[in-house]
Amino acid sequence: MAGILPSLAGIALIDSTFIRSAMKTFKRAAQFSTWVRATRDEHGSLNNGNDLLSALGHDTVSTTLAMLLNDLSHHPDVQNRLRDEINAKQAEIGGDDATFTQDDYDSMPYLNAVLKETMRLNPVLGQIARSNRADDILPLTEPIITQDGRTLTEIAVSKGTWVVVDIASSNRRKDVWGEDADVFNPDRWLKTGEES
């Protein structure tokens, strides 16, 4: 991974090429934030969801890569284990002249676990909002008790109501991910007995 130098006392040393690349990413993120504010209608809603998806497609990979490099810099044990898996696959498919295929990437369980864990803890889109086109009923995974003591297992949502899905919080729920939900742990994605 060009740009990252060996870490010293848990701090990643980053060369100037990586810094310039990261600054471009942050500059694009600031431009995107300005664009989002400029494309809101009189109710504060984005005018066109297709524009949003198109704009997000440009920075999702670079942002995820930046988060991956950050996670690896804080977890040298994960970085070493990942490097070992990649080096082993490279040796298996042809050494220094090897060209990785999609099947090669898919066959590396630890690489995929590290990527999934990075995206779980650092989702590019932390929340997503949608407005429904018709009246609907949202089932609840856990019942809630109202102030007047009623137990609700579903919520009626009227047409035009905005619903926000908090992806970032869902990805850190201890009842779903375990007590270590806030901890970078790629092993949670590996099946029992699966080796990397």
Protein backbone atom coordinates (compact mmCIF):
# COMPACT_ATOMS: atom_id res chain seq x y z
CA MET A 1 0.00 0.00 0.00
CA ALA A 2 1.95 2.94 -1.32
CA GLY A 3 1.84 6.01 0.82
CA ILE A 4 1.83 4.31 4.20
CA LEU A 5 5.21 3.90 5.84
CA PRO A 6 5.89 1.64 8.83
CA SER A 7 4.13 2.86 11.95
CA LEU A 8 5.98 4.07 15.01
CA ALA A 9 4.42 3.60 18.45
CA GLY A 10 0.97 3.11 16.91
CA ILE A 11 1.13 6.27 14.78
CA ALA A 12 1.07 5.79 11.03
CA LEU A 13 3.71 7.71 9.16
CA ILE A 14 2.27 8.92 5.89
CA ASP A 15 4.29 10.20 2.94
CA SER A 16 3.55 13.40 1.02
CA THR A 17 1.96 11.60 -1.97
CA PHE A 18 -0.69 10.11 0.30
CA ILE A 19 -1.25 13.49 2.00
CA ARG A 20 -1.86 15.20 -1.38
CA SER A 21 -4.29 12.46 -2.38
CA ALA A 22 -6.13 12.70 0.95
CA MET A 23 -6.36 16.50 0.67
CA LYS A 24 -7.97 16.16 -2.78
CA THR A 25 -10.52 13.77 -1.26
CA PHE A 26 -11.30 16.18 1.58
CA LYS A 27 -11.58 19.08 -0.89
CA ARG A 28 -14.05 17.06 -3.00
CA ALA A 29 -16.01 16.19 0.16
CA ALA A 30 -16.27 19.90 1.00
CA GLN A 31 -17.41 20.65 -2.57
CA PHE A 32 -19.98 17.86 -2.31
CA SER A 33 -21.29 19.29 0.97
CA THR A 34 -21.68 22.70 -0.70
CA TRP A 35 -23.44 21.06 -3.66
CA VAL A 36 -25.89 19.26 -1.34
CA ARG A 37 -26.79 22.50 0.42
CA ALA A 38 -27.27 24.24 -2.96
CA THR A 39 -29.60 21.55 -4.36
CA ARG A 40 -32.15 21.54 -1.57
CA ASP A 41 -35.69 22.68 -2.33
CA GLU A 42 -37.77 25.09 -0.23
CA HIS A 43 -38.56 22.27 2.26
CA GLY A 44 -34.89 21.35 2.75
CA SER A 45 -35.18 18.17 0.67
CA LEU A 46 -32.77 17.21 -2.06
CA ASN A 47 -34.28 18.06 -5.43
CA ASN A 48 -33.20 14.92 -7.24
CA GLY A 49 -32.10 11.66 -5.65
CA ASN A 50 -30.46 10.57 -8.91
CA ASP A 51 -28.08 13.54 -8.73
CA LEU A 52 -27.21 12.54 -5.17
CA LEU A 53 -26.41 8.95 -6.17
CA SER A 54 -24.34 10.15 -9.11
CA ALA A 55 -22.34 12.54 -6.92
CA LEU A 56 -21.80 9.95 -4.21
CA GLY A 57 -20.36 7.48 -6.69
CA HIS A 58 -17.29 9.66 -7.19
CA ASP A 59 -16.00 9.69 -3.63
CA THR A 60 -17.27 6.51 -2.04
CA VAL A 61 -14.25 4.43 -3.08
CA SER A 62 -11.68 7.06 -2.09
CA THR A 63 -13.40 7.69 1.25
CA THR A 64 -13.63 3.98 2.00
CA LEU A 65 -9.98 3.54 1.05
CA ALA A 66 -9.00 6.40 3.37
CA MET A 67 -10.97 4.78 6.21
CA LEU A 68 -9.39 1.40 5.44
CA LEU A 69 -5.88 2.87 5.59
CA ASN A 70 -6.75 4.61 8.83
CA ASP A 71 -8.10 1.39 10.38
CA LEU A 72 -5.03 -0.55 9.26
CA SER A 73 -2.69 2.11 10.68
CA HIS A 74 -4.32 1.67 14.09
CA HIS A 75 -4.27 -2.14 13.90
CA PRO A 76 -0.83 -3.35 12.75
CA ASP A 77 -1.76 -6.94 13.62
CA VAL A 78 -4.62 -6.78 11.11
CA GLN A 79 -2.34 -5.08 8.57
CA ASN A 80 0.28 -7.85 8.92
CA ARG A 81 -2.29 -10.64 8.67
CA LEU A 82 -3.84 -9.01 5.60
CA ARG A 83 -0.43 -8.53 3.98
CA ASP A 84 0.36 -12.22 4.60
CA GLU A 85 -2.89 -13.30 2.93
CA ILE A 86 -2.30 -11.07 -0.10
CA ASN A 87 1.34 -12.17 -0.44
CA ALA A 88 0.31 -15.84 -0.24
CA LYS A 89 -2.31 -15.33 -2.95
CA GLN A 90 0.20 -13.44 -5.10
CA ALA A 91 2.71 -16.30 -4.79
CA GLU A 92 -0.04 -18.80 -5.62
CA ILE A 93 -1.10 -17.05 -8.85
CA GLY A 94 2.27 -16.14 -10.30
CA GLY A 95 4.54 -14.18 -8.00
CA ASP A 96 5.62 -10.60 -8.66
CA ASP A 97 4.12 -10.59 -12.16
CA ALA A 98 0.72 -11.80 -10.97
CA THR A 99 -2.45 -10.00 -12.00
CA PHE A 100 -5.28 -10.42 -9.55
CA THR A 101 -8.71 -11.30 -10.91
CA GLN A 102 -12.06 -10.76 -9.22
CA ASP A 103 -12.06 -14.47 -8.31
CA ASP A 104 -8.67 -14.02 -6.62
CA TYR A 105 -10.02 -11.14 -4.53
CA ASP A 106 -13.14 -13.10 -3.67
CA SER A 107 -11.04 -16.07 -2.54
CA MET A 108 -9.26 -14.06 0.18
CA PRO A 109 -11.55 -14.30 3.23
CA TYR A 110 -9.53 -11.98 5.44
CA LEU A 111 -9.35 -9.24 2.80
CA ASN A 112 -13.12 -9.38 2.45
CA ALA A 113 -13.59 -9.40 6.23
CA VAL A 114 -11.35 -6.32 6.61
CA LEU A 115 -13.25 -4.47 3.87
CA LYS A 116 -16.64 -5.34 5.38
CA GLU A 117 -15.54 -4.29 8.87
CA THR A 118 -14.19 -0.98 7.55
CA MET A 119 -17.47 -0.27 5.78
CA ARG A 120 -19.50 -1.33 8.84
CA LEU A 121 -17.68 1.06 11.18
CA ASN A 122 -17.21 3.87 8.63
CA PRO A 123 -20.20 3.92 6.29
CA VAL A 124 -19.75 6.49 3.55
CA LEU A 125 -23.39 7.42 3.96
CA GLY A 126 -24.22 7.52 7.70
CA GLN A 127 -27.91 8.18 7.21
CA ILE A 128 -30.38 7.98 4.39
CA ALA A 129 -33.78 9.68 4.24
CA ARG A 130 -36.73 8.69 2.12
CA SER A 131 -40.25 9.97 1.71
CA ASN A 132 -42.93 7.38 1.07
CA ARG A 133 -45.29 7.72 -1.91
CA ALA A 134 -48.26 6.03 -0.21
CA ASP A 135 -49.54 5.32 3.28
CA ASP A 136 -47.68 2.36 4.73
CA ILE A 137 -47.04 0.37 7.89
CA LEU A 138 -43.49 -0.03 9.24
CA PRO A 139 -43.01 -3.18 11.33
CA LEU A 140 -40.73 -2.76 14.36
CA THR A 141 -38.05 -5.32 15.21
CA GLU A 142 -38.56 -4.47 18.88
CA PRO A 143 -41.85 -3.28 20.38
CA ILE A 144 -41.95 0.20 21.89
CA ILE A 145 -44.06 1.45 24.80
CA THR A 146 -45.81 4.77 24.25
CA GLN A 147 -46.17 7.44 26.96
CA ASP A 148 -49.76 6.30 27.55
CA GLY A 149 -48.62 2.69 28.09
CA ARG A 150 -49.60 1.15 24.74
CA THR A 151 -47.25 -1.40 23.15
CA LEU A 152 -46.56 -0.82 19.46
CA THR A 153 -45.17 -3.45 17.10
CA GLU A 154 -45.65 -1.32 14.00
CA ILE A 155 -45.98 2.34 13.07
CA ALA A 156 -48.36 3.83 10.53
CA VAL A 157 -46.53 6.19 8.18
CA SER A 158 -48.61 8.62 6.15
CA LYS A 159 -47.85 9.46 2.54
CA GLY A 160 -45.14 12.12 2.28
CA THR A 161 -43.61 11.40 5.69
CA TRP A 162 -39.82 11.46 5.78
CA VAL A 163 -38.18 8.39 7.32
CA VAL A 164 -34.48 8.49 8.24
CA VAL A 165 -32.51 5.25 8.45
CA ASP A 166 -29.47 5.72 10.66
CA ILE A 167 -26.98 3.34 9.07
CA ALA A 168 -24.06 4.38 11.29
CA SER A 169 -25.98 3.63 14.51
CA SER A 170 -27.39 0.37 13.18
CA ASN A 171 -23.87 -0.77 12.36
CA ARG A 172 -22.82 -0.28 16.00
CA ARG A 173 -25.76 -1.90 17.78
CA LYS A 174 -24.45 -4.18 20.53
CA ASP A 175 -27.57 -6.36 20.37
CA VAL A 176 -26.71 -7.12 16.72
CA TRP A 177 -22.90 -7.01 16.60
CA GLY A 178 -22.01 -8.00 20.17
CA GLU A 179 -20.38 -6.14 23.03
CA ASP A 180 -17.43 -5.24 20.80
CA ALA A 181 -19.66 -3.43 18.27
CA ASP A 182 -17.48 -0.29 18.51
CA VAL A 183 -14.26 -2.25 18.00
CA PHE A 184 -12.56 -2.87 14.64
CA ASN A 185 -12.70 -6.68 14.48
CA PRO A 186 -12.60 -8.21 10.99
CA ASP A 187 -12.79 -11.70 12.49
CA ARG A 188 -16.50 -11.17 13.14
CA TRP A 189 -17.04 -11.68 9.39
CA LEU A 190 -15.19 -14.99 9.19
CA LYS A 191 -17.09 -18.23 9.53
CA THR A 192 -16.03 -20.47 12.38
CA GLY A 193 -12.88 -22.33 11.36
CA GLU A 194 -12.29 -20.19 8.27
CA GLU A 195 -8.61 -19.48 7.82
CA SER A 196 -7.06 -16.53 6.11
